Amino acid sequence: MSQLVRTHPYWVSLFGGAVSATGFAPLHLWPLTLLALALWMSVLQQSPGKKAVFIVGWLFGLGHFVVGLNWIAKAFTFQAAMPGWLGYVAVVLLSLYLAVYPALAALGAWLLSRKIALDANGFRRLGFIIALAGFWIITEWMRSWVFSGFIWNPLGSVLTSGPLQVLALSSRVFGTYGISSVVFLLSGALLFLFKQQWRIGVLMLVPVAIFALIGIFTSEVKLCGPPKSKGCEQHQITVVQPNIGQQDKWQAGYEEQNLQKLADLTLRKDDKPRILFWPEAAIPDYLETGYPRRYYYSRPPEFVRQQLTSLMKPGDVLVLGGLKLEFADKNDGVGPRAVGARNSVFAMDAQRELLGRYDKSHLVPYGEYLPMRPLLSAIGLSRLAPGDFDFWPGPGAQSMDIGSFGKMGIQVCYEIIFSGQVVDRENRPDFIFNPSNDAWFGAWGPPQHLAQARLRAIEEGLPIIRSTPTGISAVIDADGYVRNNIPMGQAGRIDTMLPPAHAPTLFARYGNIMPLGFALLLLICAIAIRQRAR
């Protein structure tokens, strides 16, 4: 293996990156991730200069993202305006960009360690690995906001399966980006043990053990607030998954059939008030009044609301995804003209009153809006979601008051992947609703999406409810454990109690200051080790 690393470092890095992505859902082959990272770090430590380090880091990232994000290609099969093969091109192009972040982390660690010579002693190598862990935190955080951000599959989500789950619980303190560094520390320990440098290998396991203890002891603490606080109350909920595929969702003439599927899964015999959760964009109809009549087709909002409330019992609240239109100030001669839409979530009571609306803030580029629309439209590209105009973003994380059921935070679809951005910290909710349409995402996307939602539950100390058309719908408690779920490709409903919220975690209070502070600590330790190893 050492000979292969020396003679073909670039191919080894590309292969190692591809293997590292198998630790994510749905494969959960986390031991391979640890081994692949150890192999990559070995290649980096033998790289002769900063250019080689950057290329080795970039190739590792390319393999890592191409495999981990392969599900994106599936979305293009639902867009008739673009050929399906373009989806695979999109995966590669996106990965070419995202691979820059691992490359930057590798280069930063190499520069901070002032080059790792082939004959470097163990402590010099230790400093490099610790620096790499610190820079990985920083580059993952950067990936969450640069160019609007795309932080799908942070490395820490590998820890959501198997015996490593206890380490994921420490994200209550260090956040998802912070626990990504633990994966590097574990891999570094493996590398030293493989090289029979036992003392340093065991030393690297000490911070991993501390993370595990943090996860264990914060689980034992009863974090729920005073007994009378709304966050500790448990309410009856119903989560609906109609198994409506993307190919049927927007087909003309399917409106009544799709609504009937939702209705059949919603009706019940008991009268106990509950929250009913339907997926993202559950119905194509508009629920708000005041639009020009021609936009309502043959179903005015009053009629649609009456249909929906016929499924409800007194005291119920229905929460569902829908659309809101935005209109230009000037009209086209026949009334105001729609110029945009919002991907929204509405809450409605049994008296047909809308309790509130949340507008999705973090929109998907090329999915919900087309950047540089005049240029890209001219060459035949369109956004993946159907419609004639782009979606507009909402103001960001908000809490919606839904009466006796408390306050609900809402994050639509992939908004839930953005660590530290999912909750209004000034108006903390009692739970988070994450309606999604994972029918776009193939076989790999939905379980990866669920894993990232679980990390948000742990970080914020809040239960998360997921309702999707085709799966995976789930009820996640405030410790990140999935209490109930409906698998992909099945119609069904979940009837259960809303899990209680915990008191705000350290991460919930301070956000990404925690992982960034930890990254700074790692870099300081790396500098100290470098000075000692001279």
Protein backbone atom coordinates (compact mmCIF):
# COMPACT_ATOMS: atom_id res chain seq x y z
CA MET A 1 0.00 0.00 0.00
CA SER A 2 2.83 2.42 0.84
CA GLN A 3 4.32 1.82 -2.59
CA LEU A 4 0.95 2.53 -4.23
CA VAL A 5 0.59 5.77 -2.25
CA ARG A 6 4.01 6.94 -3.39
CA THR A 7 3.62 6.01 -7.06
CA HIS A 8 -0.03 6.91 -7.67
CA PRO A 9 -1.04 9.50 -5.02
CA TYR A 10 -3.66 11.18 -7.19
CA TRP A 11 -5.51 7.99 -8.14
CA VAL A 12 -5.38 6.79 -4.54
CA SER A 13 -6.87 10.10 -3.36
CA LEU A 14 -9.69 9.99 -5.91
CA PHE A 15 -10.50 6.39 -4.99
CA GLY A 16 -10.26 7.14 -1.26
CA GLY A 17 -12.69 10.05 -1.61
CA ALA A 18 -15.22 7.83 -3.39
CA VAL A 19 -14.94 5.16 -0.69
CA SER A 20 -15.27 7.73 2.11
CA ALA A 21 -18.77 8.65 0.91
CA THR A 22 -20.04 5.10 1.59
CA GLY A 23 -20.22 5.97 5.28
CA PHE A 24 -23.23 8.19 4.61
CA ALA A 25 -26.76 6.85 4.42
CA PRO A 26 -28.07 4.61 3.01
CA LEU A 27 -24.95 2.40 3.06
CA HIS A 28 -23.68 3.42 6.53
CA LEU A 29 -20.27 1.83 5.87
CA TRP A 30 -18.59 4.15 8.38
CA PRO A 31 -15.54 1.89 8.96
CA LEU A 32 -14.67 2.41 5.28
CA THR A 33 -14.95 6.16 5.77
CA LEU A 34 -12.47 6.04 8.65
CA LEU A 35 -10.05 3.90 6.62
CA ALA A 36 -10.39 6.10 3.53
CA LEU A 37 -9.64 9.25 5.55
CA ALA A 38 -6.63 7.57 7.14
CA LEU A 39 -5.38 6.64 3.66
CA TRP A 40 -5.94 10.21 2.42
CA MET A 41 -4.05 11.69 5.35
CA SER A 42 -1.17 9.33 4.62
CA VAL A 43 -1.09 10.57 1.00
CA LEU A 44 -1.17 14.19 2.15
CA GLN A 45 1.68 13.66 4.58
CA GLN A 46 3.84 12.32 1.75
CA SER A 47 3.01 15.09 -0.72
CA PRO A 48 6.15 17.02 -1.75
CA GLY A 49 4.70 20.54 -1.91
CA LYS A 50 1.67 22.76 -1.56
CA LYS A 51 0.56 22.29 -5.17
CA ALA A 52 0.55 18.52 -4.76
CA VAL A 53 -1.30 18.85 -1.43
CA PHE A 54 -4.01 20.98 -3.04
CA ILE A 55 -4.45 18.52 -5.93
CA VAL A 56 -4.57 15.53 -3.57
CA GLY A 57 -7.19 17.32 -1.46
CA TRP A 58 -9.22 18.33 -4.49
CA LEU A 59 -9.22 14.82 -6.00
CA PHE A 60 -10.30 13.32 -2.69
CA GLY A 61 -13.16 15.82 -2.55
CA LEU A 62 -14.14 15.08 -6.14
CA GLY A 63 -14.55 11.36 -5.47
CA HIS A 64 -16.26 12.07 -2.14
CA PHE A 65 -18.92 14.36 -3.59
CA VAL A 66 -19.56 12.53 -6.87
CA VAL A 67 -20.49 9.38 -4.96
CA GLY A 68 -22.29 11.09 -2.07
CA LEU A 69 -24.38 13.36 -4.32
CA ASN A 70 -25.22 10.86 -7.06
CA TRP A 71 -28.92 11.23 -6.19
CA ILE A 72 -29.01 14.72 -7.76
CA ALA A 73 -28.99 13.12 -11.22
CA LYS A 74 -32.42 11.61 -10.47
CA ALA A 75 -34.04 15.06 -10.28
CA PHE A 76 -33.30 15.73 -13.95
CA THR A 77 -35.42 12.78 -15.05
CA PHE A 78 -38.54 14.72 -13.99
CA GLN A 79 -37.80 17.73 -16.22
CA ALA A 80 -38.92 17.23 -19.81
CA ALA A 81 -37.18 20.43 -20.95
CA MET A 82 -33.73 18.98 -20.25
CA PRO A 83 -32.22 15.58 -21.12
CA GLY A 84 -31.77 13.09 -18.28
CA TRP A 85 -28.04 12.64 -18.92
CA LEU A 86 -27.55 16.28 -17.97
CA GLY A 87 -28.14 15.23 -14.37
CA TYR A 88 -24.88 13.28 -14.30
CA VAL A 89 -23.06 16.26 -15.77
CA ALA A 90 -24.58 18.42 -13.02
CA VAL A 91 -23.33 16.02 -10.31
CA VAL A 92 -19.78 16.17 -11.68
CA LEU A 93 -19.80 19.96 -12.17
CA LEU A 94 -21.10 20.55 -8.65
CA SER A 95 -18.51 18.14 -7.25
CA LEU A 96 -15.71 19.92 -9.14
CA TYR A 97 -16.63 23.05 -7.19
CA LEU A 98 -17.31 21.44 -3.79
CA ALA A 99 -13.98 19.58 -3.95
CA VAL A 100 -12.25 22.93 -3.48
CA TYR A 101 -13.20 22.89 0.22
CA PRO A 102 -11.34 19.67 1.16
CA ALA A 103 -8.43 21.00 -0.92
CA LEU A 104 -8.40 24.24 1.08
CA ALA A 105 -8.54 22.30 4.36
CA ALA A 106 -5.59 20.14 3.28
CA LEU A 107 -3.57 23.13 2.09
CA GLY A 108 -4.26 25.06 5.29
CA ALA A 109 -3.14 22.13 7.46
CA TRP A 110 0.00 21.65 5.35
CA LEU A 111 0.97 25.32 5.55
CA LEU A 112 0.27 25.53 9.28
CA SER A 113 2.45 22.47 9.88
CA ARG A 114 5.21 23.93 7.68
CA LYS A 115 5.38 20.90 5.42
CA ILE A 116 5.29 17.29 6.55
CA ALA A 117 8.49 15.59 5.47
CA LEU A 118 8.54 11.89 4.66
CA ASP A 119 10.67 11.25 7.73
CA ALA A 120 8.67 13.53 10.02
CA ASN A 121 8.35 12.31 13.57
CA GLY A 122 5.05 11.20 15.04
CA PHE A 123 4.29 14.45 16.85
CA ARG A 124 4.80 16.46 13.67
CA ARG A 125 2.28 14.21 11.92
CA LEU A 126 -0.06 14.55 14.90
CA GLY A 127 0.00 18.33 14.53
CA PHE A 128 -0.88 18.03 10.86
CA ILE A 129 -3.92 15.81 11.55
CA ILE A 130 -5.20 18.10 14.29
CA ALA A 131 -4.77 21.10 11.98
CA LEU A 132 -6.62 19.24 9.23
CA ALA A 133 -9.52 18.55 11.61
CA GLY A 134 -9.65 22.24 12.53
CA PHE A 135 -9.55 23.48 8.94
CA TRP A 136 -12.21 20.92 7.93
CA ILE A 137 -14.59 22.52 10.45
CA ILE A 138 -13.93 25.95 8.97
CA THR A 139 -14.33 24.84 5.35
CA GLU A 140 -17.56 22.95 6.10
CA TRP A 141 -18.92 26.10 7.73
CA MET A 142 -17.86 28.08 4.65
CA ARG A 143 -19.60 25.54 2.42
CA SER A 144 -22.85 26.37 4.24
CA TRP A 145 -22.94 30.00 3.06
CA VAL A 146 -20.54 30.71 0.17
CA PHE A 147 -22.53 31.19 -3.08
CA SER A 148 -25.77 30.72 -1.05
CA GLY A 149 -24.41 27.50 0.47
CA PHE A 150 -24.70 23.77 -0.14
CA ILE A 151 -23.76 21.79 2.96
CA TRP A 152 -25.35 18.45 2.08
CA ASN A 153 -23.61 15.50 3.80
CA PRO A 154 -21.34 17.16 6.35
CA LEU A 155 -18.83 14.58 7.51
CA GLY A 156 -20.38 14.49 10.98
CA SER A 157 -23.52 12.82 9.61
CA VAL A 158 -21.45 9.62 9.31
CA LEU A 159 -21.80 9.43 13.10
CA THR A 160 -25.57 8.95 13.00
CA SER A 161 -25.36 5.17 12.54
CA GLY A 162 -24.09 2.22 14.54
CA PRO A 163 -22.05 2.58 17.75
CA LEU A 164 -20.85 6.04 16.70
CA GLN A 165 -24.23 7.61 17.51
CA VAL A 166 -23.08 8.47 21.01
CA LEU A 167 -20.51 10.79 19.41
CA ALA A 168 -23.25 12.51 17.38
CA LEU A 169 -24.96 13.48 20.65
CA SER A 170 -22.03 15.80 21.43
CA SER A 171 -23.30 18.07 18.65
CA ARG A 172 -25.46 19.56 21.43
CA VAL A 173 -22.26 21.38 22.35
CA PHE A 174 -20.01 21.42 19.27
CA GLY A 175 -22.57 21.37 16.45
CA THR A 176 -22.40 19.25 13.32
CA TYR A 177 -19.26 20.91 11.98
CA GLY A 178 -17.55 20.33 15.32
CA ILE A 179 -18.27 16.60 15.37
CA SER A 180 -16.96 16.31 11.82
CA SER A 181 -13.52 16.81 13.36
CA VAL A 182 -14.08 13.73 15.54
CA VAL A 183 -14.18 11.61 12.40
CA PHE A 184 -10.69 12.90 11.55
CA LEU A 185 -9.42 12.20 15.05
CA LEU A 186 -10.70 8.63 14.86
CA SER A 187 -9.11 8.15 11.45
CA GLY A 188 -5.86 9.69 12.67
CA ALA A 189 -5.78 7.29 15.60
CA LEU A 190 -6.21 4.39 13.16
CA LEU A 191 -3.33 5.73 11.06
CA PHE A 192 -0.95 5.90 14.02
CA LEU A 193 -1.98 2.50 15.32
CA PHE A 194 -1.42 1.04 11.85
CA LYS A 195 2.08 2.54 11.88
CA GLN A 196 2.55 1.00 15.36
CA GLN A 197 2.96 4.39 17.01
CA TRP A 198 0.83 3.25 19.89
CA ARG A 199 1.36 6.13 22.28
CA ILE A 200 0.22 8.80 19.82
CA GLY A 201 -2.62 6.61 18.54
CA VAL A 202 -4.01 6.19 22.04
CA LEU A 203 -3.44 9.89 22.74
CA MET A 204 -5.66 10.78 19.76
CA LEU A 205 -8.45 8.64 21.22
CA VAL A 206 -8.59 10.80 24.36
CA PRO A 207 -10.57 13.69 22.77
CA VAL A 208 -12.81 11.12 21.07
CA ALA A 209 -13.56 9.63 24.49
CA ILE A 210 -14.33 13.11 25.82
CA PHE A 211 -16.83 13.65 23.01
CA ALA A 212 -18.42 10.29 23.85
CA LEU A 213 -18.70 11.23 27.52
CA ILE A 214 -20.29 14.56 26.62
CA GLY A 215 -22.85 12.68 24.53
CA ILE A 216 -23.56 10.18 27.32
CA PHE A 217 -23.84 12.63 30.18
CA THR A 218 -25.93 15.21 28.33
CA SER A 219 -28.32 12.36 27.50
CA GLU A 220 -28.67 11.51 31.17
CA VAL A 221 -29.51 15.09 32.18
CA LYS A 222 -33.23 15.87 32.16
CA LEU A 223 -33.11 18.87 29.88
CA CYS A 224 -36.81 19.55 29.62
CA GLY A 225 -37.91 22.79 31.22
CA PRO A 226 -40.50 23.36 33.96
CA PRO A 227 -43.46 20.94 33.83
CA LYS A 228 -45.91 23.65 32.79
CA SER A 229 -43.85 24.90 29.85
CA LYS A 230 -45.39 24.22 26.45
CA GLY A 231 -42.22 22.55 25.21
CA CYS A 232 -42.74 19.74 27.73
CA GLU A 233 -46.37 19.07 26.88
CA GLN A 234 -47.16 16.17 24.59
CA HIS A 235 -49.85 16.57 21.97
CA GLN A 236 -51.44 14.06 19.65
CA ILE A 237 -50.13 14.28 16.08
CA THR A 238 -50.78 12.59 12.75
CA VAL A 239 -48.16 12.55 9.99
CA VAL A 240 -49.40 11.67 6.49
CA GLN A 241 -47.39 10.17 3.63
CA PRO A 242 -49.62 9.67 0.54
CA ASN A 243 -46.95 8.08 -1.71
CA ILE A 244 -47.64 10.48 -4.58
CA GLY A 245 -44.71 10.28 -7.00
CA GLN A 246 -43.21 13.30 -8.71
CA GLN A 247 -44.48 12.05 -12.05
CA ASP A 248 -48.09 12.29 -10.76
CA LYS A 249 -47.86 15.35 -8.54
CA TRP A 250 -48.41 18.07 -11.15
CA GLN A 251 -50.23 16.07 -13.80
CA ALA A 252 -53.40 17.78 -15.01
CA GLY A 253 -56.48 15.94 -13.78
CA TYR A 254 -54.70 14.33 -10.83
CA GLU A 255 -55.71 17.01 -8.30
CA GLU A 256 -58.78 15.21 -6.93
CA GLN A 257 -57.09 11.82 -6.95
CA ASN A 258 -54.09 13.13 -5.00
CA LEU A 259 -56.31 14.98 -2.53
CA GLN A 260 -58.32 11.80 -1.99
CA LYS A 261 -55.14 9.92 -1.07
CA LEU A 262 -54.35 12.55 1.54
CA ALA A 263 -57.94 12.55 2.80
CA ASP A 264 -58.13 8.76 3.17
CA LEU A 265 -55.00 8.79 5.33
CA THR A 266 -56.19 11.72 7.44
CA LEU A 267 -59.71 10.65 8.47
CA ARG A 268 -60.09 9.10 11.91
CA LYS A 269 -62.79 8.14 14.41
CA ASP A 270 -61.57 9.72 17.66
CA ASP A 271 -62.25 13.37 18.49
CA LYS A 272 -59.09 14.19 20.40
CA PRO A 273 -57.55 17.43 19.02
CA ARG A 274 -54.32 16.91 17.17
CA ILE A 275 -51.91 18.46 14.70
CA LEU A 276 -52.21 17.01 11.20
CA PHE A 277 -49.04 17.21 9.10
CA TRP A 278 -49.11 17.05 5.29
CA PRO A 279 -46.06 17.23 2.97
CA GLU A 280 -44.44 20.09 1.08
CA ALA A 281 -46.64 21.44 -1.76
CA ALA A 282 -49.36 19.00 -0.64
CA ILE A 283 -52.01 20.66 -2.82
CA PRO A 284 -51.75 22.76 -6.00
CA ASP A 285 -54.61 25.08 -4.95
CA TYR A 286 -54.16 28.51 -3.43
CA LEU A 287 -55.48 28.92 0.13
CA GLU A 288 -55.25 32.70 0.39
CA THR A 289 -58.03 34.95 -0.80
CA GLY A 290 -57.60 38.17 -2.78
CA TYR A 291 -56.01 36.87 -5.98
CA PRO A 292 -57.62 37.66 -9.34
CA ARG A 293 -60.26 35.00 -9.96
CA ARG A 294 -58.52 33.62 -13.06
CA TYR A 295 -55.70 32.29 -10.88
CA TYR A 296 -58.02 30.03 -8.88
CA TYR A 297 -58.97 27.87 -11.86
CA SER A 298 -62.28 26.20 -10.92
CA ARG A 299 -61.58 25.88 -7.18
CA PRO A 300 -61.87 29.10 -5.15
CA PRO A 301 -60.00 29.16 -1.81
CA GLU A 302 -63.21 29.05 0.22
CA PHE A 303 -64.15 25.75 -1.44
CA VAL A 304 -60.66 24.29 -0.93
CA ARG A 305 -60.63 25.26 2.74
CA GLN A 306 -64.07 23.70 3.20
CA GLN A 307 -62.79 20.46 1.69
CA LEU A 308 -59.82 20.43 4.03
CA THR A 309 -61.73 21.23 7.20
CA SER A 310 -64.20 18.43 6.43
CA LEU A 311 -61.32 16.10 7.30
CA MET A 312 -60.71 17.76 10.66
CA LYS A 313 -62.20 17.43 14.13
CA PRO A 314 -62.87 20.38 16.48
CA GLY A 315 -59.61 21.66 17.90
CA ASP A 316 -57.45 20.22 15.09
CA VAL A 317 -54.78 22.17 13.27
CA LEU A 318 -53.78 21.17 9.74
CA VAL A 319 -50.27 22.11 8.62
CA LEU A 320 -49.56 21.66 4.93
CA GLY A 321 -47.37 22.86 2.12
CA GLY A 322 -48.82 25.11 -0.58
CA LEU A 323 -48.03 28.03 -2.86
CA LYS A 324 -48.40 31.76 -2.51
CA LEU A 325 -48.40 34.11 -5.50
CA GLU A 326 -46.71 37.50 -5.71
CA PHE A 327 -48.15 40.16 -8.04
CA ALA A 328 -46.69 43.12 -9.91
CA ASP A 329 -47.87 46.61 -9.06
CA LYS A 330 -48.93 47.14 -12.66
CA ASN A 331 -51.41 44.88 -14.41
CA ASP A 332 -51.68 43.56 -17.95
CA GLY A 333 -55.07 45.10 -18.72
CA VAL A 334 -57.11 42.32 -17.17
CA GLY A 335 -55.96 42.73 -13.58
CA PRO A 336 -52.80 42.27 -11.50
CA ARG A 337 -50.25 39.91 -13.02
CA ALA A 338 -48.44 37.20 -11.03
CA VAL A 339 -44.65 37.62 -11.24
CA GLY A 340 -43.41 35.21 -8.59
CA ALA A 341 -44.36 32.52 -6.12
CA ARG A 342 -43.36 31.40 -2.67
CA ASN A 343 -42.94 27.84 -1.46
CA SER A 344 -45.04 28.13 1.67
CA VAL A 345 -46.42 26.23 4.62
CA PHE A 346 -49.86 27.11 5.98
CA ALA A 347 -51.49 26.29 9.31
CA MET A 348 -55.30 26.19 9.36
CA ASP A 349 -57.75 25.49 12.17
CA ALA A 350 -61.04 23.61 12.00
CA GLN A 351 -62.94 26.89 11.47
CA ARG A 352 -61.17 27.40 8.10
CA GLU A 353 -59.04 30.23 9.48
CA LEU A 354 -55.40 30.47 8.45
CA LEU A 355 -53.28 30.71 11.60
CA GLY A 356 -50.10 31.65 9.78
CA ARG A 357 -47.84 31.18 6.79
CA TYR A 358 -44.13 30.46 6.48
CA ASP A 359 -42.28 31.16 3.23
CA LYS A 360 -39.23 29.06 2.42
CA SER A 361 -36.11 31.20 2.73
CA HIS A 362 -33.24 29.04 1.50
CA LEU A 363 -34.25 28.28 -2.06
CA VAL A 364 -32.56 25.67 -4.25
CA PRO A 365 -30.62 27.29 -7.12
CA TYR A 366 -31.58 25.71 -10.47
CA GLY A 367 -34.33 23.86 -8.61
CA GLU A 368 -36.65 26.66 -7.42
CA TYR A 369 -35.07 29.57 -9.22
CA LEU A 370 -32.73 29.97 -12.17
CA PRO A 371 -29.68 32.16 -11.52
CA MET A 372 -28.77 34.44 -14.42
CA ARG A 373 -32.16 33.61 -15.94
CA PRO A 374 -31.85 35.71 -19.17
CA LEU A 375 -28.58 33.98 -20.11
CA LEU A 376 -29.45 30.42 -19.06
CA SER A 377 -32.96 30.55 -20.49
CA ALA A 378 -31.49 31.61 -23.83
CA ILE A 379 -29.48 28.38 -24.04
CA GLY A 380 -32.47 26.22 -23.16
CA LEU A 381 -32.02 25.64 -19.43
CA SER A 382 -34.89 25.83 -16.96
CA ARG A 383 -35.37 25.23 -13.29
CA LEU A 384 -36.36 21.74 -12.15
CA ALA A 385 -39.56 22.68 -10.32
CA PRO A 386 -42.51 23.19 -12.70
CA GLY A 387 -43.92 26.65 -13.30
CA ASP A 388 -43.47 29.78 -15.38
CA PHE A 389 -41.69 32.02 -12.89
CA ASP A 390 -39.18 31.73 -10.07
CA PHE A 391 -39.85 31.29 -6.39
CA TRP A 392 -39.07 34.20 -4.08
CA PRO A 393 -37.34 33.69 -0.72
CA GLY A 394 -38.95 34.34 2.64
CA PRO A 395 -37.38 36.27 5.56
CA GLY A 396 -35.75 33.29 7.33
CA ALA A 397 -36.38 31.11 10.38
CA GLN A 398 -39.58 32.03 12.24
CA SER A 399 -41.81 30.53 14.92
CA MET A 400 -45.53 30.25 14.22
CA ASP A 401 -48.06 30.33 17.05
CA ILE A 402 -50.58 27.51 16.54
CA GLY A 403 -52.69 28.14 19.63
CA SER A 404 -52.90 25.48 22.31
CA PHE A 405 -50.29 23.38 20.52
CA GLY A 406 -47.57 25.95 21.20
CA LYS A 407 -45.07 27.41 18.75
CA MET A 408 -43.91 25.64 15.62
CA GLY A 409 -40.67 26.25 13.76
CA ILE A 410 -40.75 25.40 10.05
CA GLN A 411 -37.98 24.46 7.65
CA VAL A 412 -39.06 23.44 4.17
CA CYS A 413 -37.21 20.55 2.50
CA TYR A 414 -33.45 21.08 2.29
CA GLU A 415 -33.52 24.15 4.57
CA ILE A 416 -33.12 21.66 7.43
CA ILE A 417 -29.52 20.86 6.38
CA PHE A 418 -28.17 24.28 7.40
CA SER A 419 -26.75 23.90 10.90
CA GLY A 420 -27.38 26.91 13.12
CA GLN A 421 -29.93 28.47 10.75
CA VAL A 422 -33.12 26.53 11.46
CA VAL A 423 -34.51 28.27 14.56
CA ASP A 424 -35.50 31.81 15.51
CA ARG A 425 -33.37 32.09 18.66
CA GLU A 426 -35.31 35.10 19.91
CA ASN A 427 -38.62 33.21 19.70
CA ARG A 428 -37.71 29.56 20.27
CA PRO A 429 -40.33 27.07 19.03
CA ASP A 430 -41.49 23.90 20.78
CA PHE A 431 -40.78 21.72 17.75
CA ILE A 432 -39.76 21.96 14.10
CA PHE A 433 -41.85 20.84 11.13
CA ASN A 434 -39.82 19.83 8.09
CA PRO A 435 -42.19 19.18 5.17
CA SER A 436 -40.29 17.93 2.16
CA ASN A 437 -40.65 16.50 -1.30
CA ASP A 438 -37.96 13.84 -1.42
CA ALA A 439 -39.52 12.20 -4.47
CA TRP A 440 -36.86 14.09 -6.47
CA PHE A 441 -33.98 12.50 -4.59
CA GLY A 442 -33.74 8.89 -5.78
CA ALA A 443 -32.78 6.13 -3.33
CA TRP A 444 -29.84 7.86 -1.63
CA GLY A 445 -31.20 11.36 -1.05
CA PRO A 446 -34.07 10.66 1.41
CA PRO A 447 -32.04 8.68 4.00
CA GLN A 448 -29.26 11.27 3.81
CA HIS A 449 -31.85 14.01 4.32
CA LEU A 450 -33.24 12.19 7.37
CA ALA A 451 -29.76 11.82 8.89
CA GLN A 452 -29.17 15.57 8.64
CA ALA A 453 -32.57 16.34 10.17
CA ARG A 454 -31.61 14.12 13.10
CA LEU A 455 -28.50 16.25 13.69
CA ARG A 456 -30.62 19.42 13.75
CA ALA A 457 -32.83 17.83 16.44
CA ILE A 458 -29.78 17.05 18.59
CA GLU A 459 -28.18 20.46 18.09
CA GLU A 460 -31.31 22.45 18.93
CA GLY A 461 -32.80 20.07 21.51
CA LEU A 462 -36.08 20.08 19.60
CA PRO A 463 -38.23 17.30 18.12
CA ILE A 464 -38.58 17.36 14.34
CA ILE A 465 -41.58 16.15 12.37
CA ARG A 466 -41.03 15.21 8.71
CA SER A 467 -43.86 14.66 6.22
CA THR A 468 -42.99 13.81 2.63
CA PRO A 469 -45.02 12.54 -0.36
CA THR A 470 -43.01 9.33 -0.90
CA GLY A 471 -40.81 8.99 2.20
CA ILE A 472 -39.03 9.03 4.49
CA SER A 473 -41.60 10.63 6.84
CA ALA A 474 -40.57 10.48 10.48
CA VAL A 475 -41.00 11.65 14.05
CA ILE A 476 -37.59 12.50 15.53
CA ASP A 477 -37.20 13.20 19.23
CA ALA A 478 -35.00 15.91 20.75
CA ASP A 479 -32.12 13.42 21.09
CA GLY A 480 -32.11 12.72 17.37
CA TYR A 481 -33.63 9.25 17.57
CA VAL A 482 -36.29 8.25 15.04
CA ARG A 483 -39.32 7.19 17.07
CA ASN A 484 -41.62 6.49 14.12
CA ASN A 485 -41.14 6.45 10.37
CA ILE A 486 -42.81 5.48 7.11
CA PRO A 487 -40.32 3.95 4.64
CA MET A 488 -39.83 5.16 1.09
CA GLY A 489 -42.39 4.16 -1.49
CA GLN A 490 -45.20 3.40 0.94
CA ALA A 491 -48.43 5.20 1.77
CA GLY A 492 -49.19 5.48 5.46
CA ARG A 493 -49.74 7.60 8.53
CA ILE A 494 -48.13 7.97 11.91
CA ASP A 495 -50.36 8.49 14.94
CA THR A 496 -48.30 9.31 18.00
CA MET A 497 -47.52 11.93 20.63
CA LEU A 498 -45.35 14.93 19.89
CA PRO A 499 -42.02 14.31 21.70
CA PRO A 500 -41.14 16.94 24.30
CA ALA A 501 -38.51 19.60 23.69
CA HIS A 502 -35.36 19.95 25.76
CA ALA A 503 -34.15 23.17 27.28
CA PRO A 504 -31.88 25.08 24.86
CA THR A 505 -28.57 23.30 24.33
CA LEU A 506 -25.26 25.12 24.31
CA PHE A 507 -25.32 25.02 20.53
CA ALA A 508 -28.93 26.30 20.51
CA ARG A 509 -27.76 29.28 22.57
CA TYR A 510 -24.59 30.17 20.70
CA GLY A 511 -24.86 28.53 17.28
CA ASN A 512 -21.80 28.07 15.11
CA ILE A 513 -19.61 30.07 17.48
CA MET A 514 -19.19 26.72 19.25
CA PRO A 515 -17.68 24.68 16.39
CA LEU A 516 -15.65 27.64 15.13
CA GLY A 517 -14.26 28.15 18.62
CA PHE A 518 -13.38 24.47 18.76
CA ALA A 519 -11.68 24.77 15.36
CA LEU A 520 -9.58 27.64 16.71
CA LEU A 521 -8.61 25.51 19.70
CA LEU A 522 -7.51 22.68 17.40
CA LEU A 523 -5.38 25.04 15.34
CA ILE A 524 -3.74 26.44 18.47
CA CYS A 525 -2.97 22.88 19.59
CA ALA A 526 -1.49 22.13 16.15
CA ILE A 527 0.79 25.17 16.39
CA ALA A 528 1.90 24.17 19.89
CA ILE A 529 2.69 20.63 18.70
CA ARG A 530 4.63 22.03 15.75
CA GLN A 531 6.76 24.15 18.08
CA ARG A 532 7.41 21.18 20.39
CA ALA A 533 8.31 18.88 17.47
CA ARG A 534 11.09 21.12 16.18
